[in-house]
Amino acid sequence: MKNDYTIDHGDIDLLRRAGMSREDLEHSLLVARKALDIARRTGADLDLELVGRGALFHDLGKTKTHEIEHGRLGAELGASLGLPEAVCAIMEKHIRGGLTPAEATELGLPVKDYTLARLEERIVIYADRLVDIIHDGIVTIGEELEAEERFVEILEENQKYRKNELTMTRYHGYHQEIQGLVARRGQIPHKETIQTTMACAAYAEAGEPCPLSPRGNEPPASEAGEKLLIKTLEDDFACAAFHEQNESCPLCRDGKAKG
């Protein structure tokens, strides 16, 4: 795996300057956190900067529209802002998990092959759907790991997530591929993560609803809450790095690595 990666505040500022709403920014941060977590757990030789930035910017086009064209518009805007071609490709191709030319024609999008050729791209799209499942409030999820364990079942039972059979088949394939890599490496998420300890406790102390908890889907009610979310996510990245090396983690409440 290439060098680890932490979200750059400059990228967050760029999204704000582009006009991204607080709700969409929070979603993008959560997708970046989830994508990086999954990428690390696969143990594959991945470009983590592409995973992190691709996930963070995947919905850039929603600064223009929330319609299906937001993928194409995001890629165009990203190119005009000087973002790398590989990051812009994720924006354009993430719609429904990678469209075929026939699907693109049906949806009125430029006719091309939107296949997700890189594992980094597939991880971002998988993480995007997982974050929707965990935080939409449509499906009752006890902890984040449950969304991965029940992924296929949840898609089959909820048209919002599966869209159609072609999309369902693609997501099923990504799930099998990625979870297969994770299983071979023997990596699972920590069942008591920083999300449900330090993070949600900090939100409670600040009097803010916790958007990281499946039971607290409301966005932070203030600018202070938004800053707390960003700080918590950054701490989460650092915490994961400590645990990856099986070292004591100063960010965990007990200061010990959790297995």
Protein backbone atom coordinates (compact mmCIF):
# COMPACT_ATOMS: atom_id res chain seq x y z
CA MET A 1 0.00 0.00 0.00
CA LYS A 2 1.30 3.42 -0.89
CA ASN A 3 1.82 6.15 1.71
CA ASP A 4 -1.09 6.80 4.06
CA TYR A 5 -3.27 9.82 3.49
CA THR A 6 -5.16 12.30 5.64
CA ILE A 7 -7.78 14.71 4.32
CA ASP A 8 -6.36 18.12 3.49
CA HIS A 9 -8.10 21.15 5.00
CA GLY A 10 -7.41 22.93 1.72
CA ASP A 11 -9.67 20.45 -0.08
CA ILE A 12 -12.44 21.06 2.45
CA ASP A 13 -12.07 24.80 1.93
CA LEU A 14 -12.19 24.26 -1.83
CA LEU A 15 -15.52 22.46 -1.50
CA ARG A 16 -16.88 25.30 0.63
CA ARG A 17 -15.71 27.93 -1.86
CA ALA A 18 -17.36 25.94 -4.65
CA GLY A 19 -20.64 26.33 -2.74
CA MET A 20 -21.12 22.84 -1.31
CA SER A 21 -23.84 22.73 1.34
CA ARG A 22 -23.03 21.67 4.88
CA GLU A 23 -25.12 18.52 4.50
CA ASP A 24 -23.32 17.47 1.30
CA LEU A 25 -19.94 18.31 2.82
CA GLU A 26 -20.67 16.16 5.86
CA HIS A 27 -21.70 13.30 3.58
CA SER A 28 -18.51 13.68 1.56
CA LEU A 29 -16.36 13.64 4.71
CA LEU A 30 -18.10 10.50 5.92
CA VAL A 31 -17.58 8.79 2.56
CA ALA A 32 -13.89 9.73 2.62
CA ARG A 33 -13.51 8.31 6.13
CA LYS A 34 -15.32 5.10 5.20
CA ALA A 35 -13.42 4.67 1.92
CA LEU A 36 -10.04 5.13 3.59
CA ASP A 37 -10.98 2.72 6.36
CA ILE A 38 -12.01 0.05 3.85
CA ALA A 39 -8.96 0.65 1.65
CA ARG A 40 -6.62 0.17 4.62
CA ARG A 41 -8.41 -3.02 5.64
CA THR A 42 -8.00 -4.59 2.20
CA GLY A 43 -4.21 -4.52 2.49
CA ALA A 44 -4.08 -3.95 -1.29
CA ASP A 45 -1.46 -1.77 -2.95
CA LEU A 46 -3.67 1.28 -3.32
CA ASP A 47 -3.27 4.99 -3.93
CA LEU A 48 -4.83 6.23 -0.68
CA GLU A 49 -4.67 9.85 -1.80
CA LEU A 50 -6.86 8.96 -4.77
CA VAL A 51 -9.24 7.07 -2.47
CA GLY A 52 -9.46 9.97 0.00
CA ARG A 53 -9.69 12.80 -2.51
CA GLY A 54 -11.92 10.86 -4.90
CA ALA A 55 -14.35 10.18 -2.06
CA LEU A 56 -14.21 13.74 -0.74
CA PHE A 57 -14.88 15.30 -4.16
CA HIS A 58 -17.22 12.65 -5.60
CA ASP A 59 -20.30 14.87 -5.16
CA LEU A 60 -18.67 18.16 -6.21
CA GLY A 61 -21.29 18.44 -8.95
CA LYS A 62 -23.99 18.80 -6.30
CA THR A 63 -22.86 22.39 -5.97
CA LYS A 64 -24.64 22.77 -9.35
CA THR A 65 -27.44 20.20 -9.26
CA HIS A 66 -28.60 17.13 -7.35
CA GLU A 67 -29.86 15.54 -10.56
CA ILE A 68 -28.09 12.66 -12.28
CA GLU A 69 -25.95 15.12 -14.26
CA HIS A 70 -24.04 16.02 -11.08
CA GLY A 71 -21.38 13.43 -11.92
CA ARG A 72 -20.56 14.97 -15.29
CA LEU A 73 -20.80 18.53 -13.99
CA GLY A 74 -18.58 17.69 -11.03
CA ALA A 75 -15.90 16.27 -13.32
CA GLU A 76 -16.00 19.39 -15.48
CA LEU A 77 -15.83 21.68 -12.46
CA GLY A 78 -13.05 19.61 -10.92
CA ALA A 79 -10.98 19.90 -14.09
CA SER A 80 -11.48 23.67 -14.12
CA LEU A 81 -10.27 23.78 -10.49
CA GLY A 82 -7.13 21.87 -11.38
CA LEU A 83 -8.03 18.59 -9.67
CA PRO A 84 -6.23 15.46 -10.94
CA GLU A 85 -7.79 13.60 -13.85
CA ALA A 86 -8.16 10.43 -11.76
CA VAL A 87 -10.16 12.32 -9.11
CA CYS A 88 -12.39 13.88 -11.78
CA ALA A 89 -12.93 10.44 -13.29
CA ILE A 90 -14.39 9.22 -9.99
CA MET A 91 -16.82 12.14 -9.98
CA GLU A 92 -17.99 11.37 -13.50
CA LYS A 93 -18.18 7.59 -13.12
CA HIS A 94 -19.70 7.19 -9.65
CA ILE A 95 -23.29 7.52 -10.87
CA ARG A 96 -25.03 4.18 -10.20
CA GLY A 97 -21.69 2.51 -9.68
CA GLY A 98 -20.37 2.80 -13.24
CA LEU A 99 -22.77 2.97 -16.19
CA THR A 100 -22.62 1.05 -19.44
CA PRO A 101 -22.84 3.09 -22.68
CA ALA A 102 -26.41 1.84 -23.13
CA GLU A 103 -27.39 3.05 -19.66
CA ALA A 104 -25.73 6.40 -20.30
CA THR A 105 -27.80 6.78 -23.47
CA GLU A 106 -30.99 5.94 -21.59
CA LEU A 107 -30.20 8.51 -18.89
CA GLY A 108 -29.25 11.25 -21.36
CA LEU A 109 -25.58 11.33 -20.33
CA PRO A 110 -22.56 11.43 -22.67
CA VAL A 111 -22.23 8.01 -24.28
CA LYS A 112 -19.07 6.36 -22.99
CA ASP A 113 -17.92 3.49 -20.86
CA TYR A 114 -18.12 4.50 -17.19
CA THR A 115 -16.69 1.19 -15.94
CA LEU A 116 -14.83 1.49 -12.64
CA ALA A 117 -11.52 0.03 -13.80
CA ARG A 118 -9.51 0.79 -10.65
CA LEU A 119 -10.02 -0.78 -7.23
CA GLU A 120 -9.72 2.69 -5.70
CA GLU A 121 -12.79 3.78 -7.70
CA ARG A 122 -14.79 0.73 -6.64
CA ILE A 123 -13.93 1.29 -2.98
CA VAL A 124 -15.16 4.90 -3.17
CA ILE A 125 -18.47 3.85 -4.74
CA TYR A 126 -18.91 1.03 -2.22
CA ALA A 127 -18.20 3.43 0.66
CA ASP A 128 -20.68 5.95 -0.76
CA ARG A 129 -23.47 3.38 -0.69
CA LEU A 130 -22.51 2.17 2.80
CA VAL A 131 -22.62 5.72 4.18
CA ASP A 132 -26.09 6.18 2.69
CA ILE A 133 -27.27 2.96 4.34
CA ILE A 134 -25.75 3.83 7.72
CA HIS A 135 -26.93 7.43 7.91
CA ASP A 136 -30.15 7.73 5.88
CA GLY A 137 -32.25 6.28 8.69
CA ILE A 138 -34.21 4.03 6.32
CA VAL A 139 -32.59 0.83 7.60
CA THR A 140 -32.02 0.19 11.30
CA ILE A 141 -28.28 -0.32 11.80
CA GLY A 142 -26.84 -1.12 15.21
CA GLU A 143 -23.22 -0.44 14.24
CA GLU A 144 -21.36 0.35 11.02
CA LEU A 145 -20.08 -3.19 10.53
CA GLU A 146 -23.67 -4.41 10.23
CA ALA A 147 -24.11 -2.41 7.01
CA GLU A 148 -21.26 -4.37 5.45
CA GLU A 149 -22.50 -7.70 6.77
CA ARG A 150 -26.07 -7.08 5.49
CA PHE A 151 -25.12 -5.14 2.37
CA VAL A 152 -26.63 -7.47 -0.24
CA GLU A 153 -29.77 -8.06 1.82
CA ILE A 154 -30.30 -4.32 2.30
CA LEU A 155 -29.90 -3.58 -1.41
CA GLU A 156 -32.32 -6.35 -2.35
CA GLU A 157 -34.95 -4.99 0.03
CA ASN A 158 -34.57 -1.27 -0.76
CA GLN A 159 -34.93 0.04 -4.30
CA LYS A 160 -33.41 3.37 -3.29
CA TYR A 161 -30.08 1.61 -2.82
CA ARG A 162 -30.18 -1.00 -5.59
CA LYS A 163 -31.77 1.33 -8.21
CA ASN A 164 -32.20 -1.46 -10.79
CA GLU A 165 -30.88 -4.95 -11.51
CA LEU A 166 -27.79 -3.77 -13.40
CA THR A 167 -26.82 -1.43 -10.58
CA MET A 168 -27.54 -4.14 -8.00
CA THR A 169 -25.30 -6.57 -9.87
CA ARG A 170 -22.44 -4.06 -9.95
CA TYR A 171 -22.70 -3.26 -6.25
CA HIS A 172 -22.91 -6.95 -5.41
CA GLY A 173 -19.70 -7.52 -7.37
CA TYR A 174 -17.87 -4.68 -5.62
CA HIS A 175 -19.04 -5.97 -2.24
CA GLN A 176 -17.79 -9.50 -2.94
CA GLU A 177 -14.45 -8.29 -4.29
CA ILE A 178 -13.71 -5.85 -1.48
CA GLN A 179 -14.94 -8.02 1.38
CA GLY A 180 -12.96 -10.91 -0.10
CA LEU A 181 -9.78 -8.85 0.16
CA VAL A 182 -10.64 -7.82 3.72
CA ALA A 183 -11.40 -11.41 4.75
CA ARG A 184 -8.15 -12.75 3.30
CA ARG A 185 -6.24 -10.20 5.33
CA GLY A 186 -8.32 -10.93 8.44
CA GLN A 187 -9.20 -7.28 9.04
CA ILE A 188 -12.51 -6.19 10.54
CA PRO A 189 -13.49 -2.76 11.85
CA HIS A 190 -13.13 -2.15 15.59
CA LYS A 191 -16.56 -2.81 17.02
CA GLU A 192 -16.17 -0.05 19.58
CA THR A 193 -14.75 2.66 17.38
CA ILE A 194 -13.81 6.23 18.05
CA GLN A 195 -17.16 7.10 16.49
CA THR A 196 -19.19 5.75 19.35
CA THR A 197 -16.79 6.70 22.13
CA MET A 198 -14.79 9.92 21.91
CA ALA A 199 -16.67 11.27 18.89
CA CYS A 200 -20.25 10.92 20.02
CA ALA A 201 -19.33 11.79 23.61
CA ALA A 202 -17.75 15.00 22.33
CA TYR A 203 -20.90 15.87 20.41
CA ALA A 204 -23.00 15.22 23.50
CA GLU A 205 -20.75 17.44 25.61
CA ALA A 206 -21.08 20.19 23.00
CA GLY A 207 -24.87 19.79 22.95
CA GLU A 208 -24.77 18.74 19.28
CA PRO A 209 -26.53 15.77 17.60
CA CYS A 210 -23.92 13.30 16.36
CA PRO A 211 -24.07 12.69 12.58
CA LEU A 212 -21.58 9.83 12.96
CA SER A 213 -24.05 7.74 14.93
CA PRO A 214 -26.69 5.71 13.05
CA ARG A 215 -29.12 7.01 15.65
CA GLY A 216 -28.18 10.66 15.25
CA ASN A 217 -28.58 11.54 11.61
CA GLU A 218 -29.24 15.26 12.03
CA PRO A 219 -26.47 17.58 10.86
CA PRO A 220 -24.56 19.66 13.43
CA ALA A 221 -26.69 22.59 14.47
CA SER A 222 -23.90 25.14 14.39
CA GLU A 223 -20.56 26.07 12.87
CA ALA A 224 -18.92 24.74 16.05
CA GLY A 225 -20.58 21.39 15.43
CA GLU A 226 -19.28 21.33 11.86
CA LYS A 227 -15.73 22.02 13.06
CA LEU A 228 -16.11 19.26 15.64
CA LEU A 229 -17.14 16.82 12.91
CA ILE A 230 -14.05 17.61 10.84
CA LYS A 231 -11.77 17.31 13.89
CA THR A 232 -13.36 14.00 14.85
CA LEU A 233 -12.89 12.57 11.37
CA GLU A 234 -9.24 13.62 11.34
CA ASP A 235 -8.73 11.95 14.72
CA ASP A 236 -10.44 8.85 13.36
CA PHE A 237 -7.92 8.62 10.52
CA ALA A 238 -5.05 8.95 12.99
CA CYS A 239 -6.59 6.40 15.35
CA ALA A 240 -6.90 3.87 12.55
CA ALA A 241 -3.22 4.32 11.71
CA PHE A 242 -2.20 3.58 15.32
CA HIS A 243 -4.34 0.44 15.39
CA GLU A 244 -2.98 -0.67 12.02
CA GLN A 245 0.46 -0.85 13.64
CA ASN A 246 -1.00 -2.45 16.80
CA GLU A 247 0.33 0.48 18.83
CA SER A 248 -1.21 2.28 21.79
CA CYS A 249 -3.51 4.99 20.55
CA PRO A 250 -3.49 8.31 22.43
CA LEU A 251 -6.84 9.19 20.87
CA CYS A 252 -8.72 6.26 22.45
CA ARG A 253 -10.13 6.82 25.88
CA ASP A 254 -8.15 4.00 27.46
CA GLY A 255 -5.06 4.72 25.36
CA LYS A 256 -4.82 1.10 24.27
CA ALA A 257 -5.06 -0.52 20.87
CA LYS A 258 -8.33 -2.32 20.40
CA GLY A 259 -8.37 -5.66 18.64
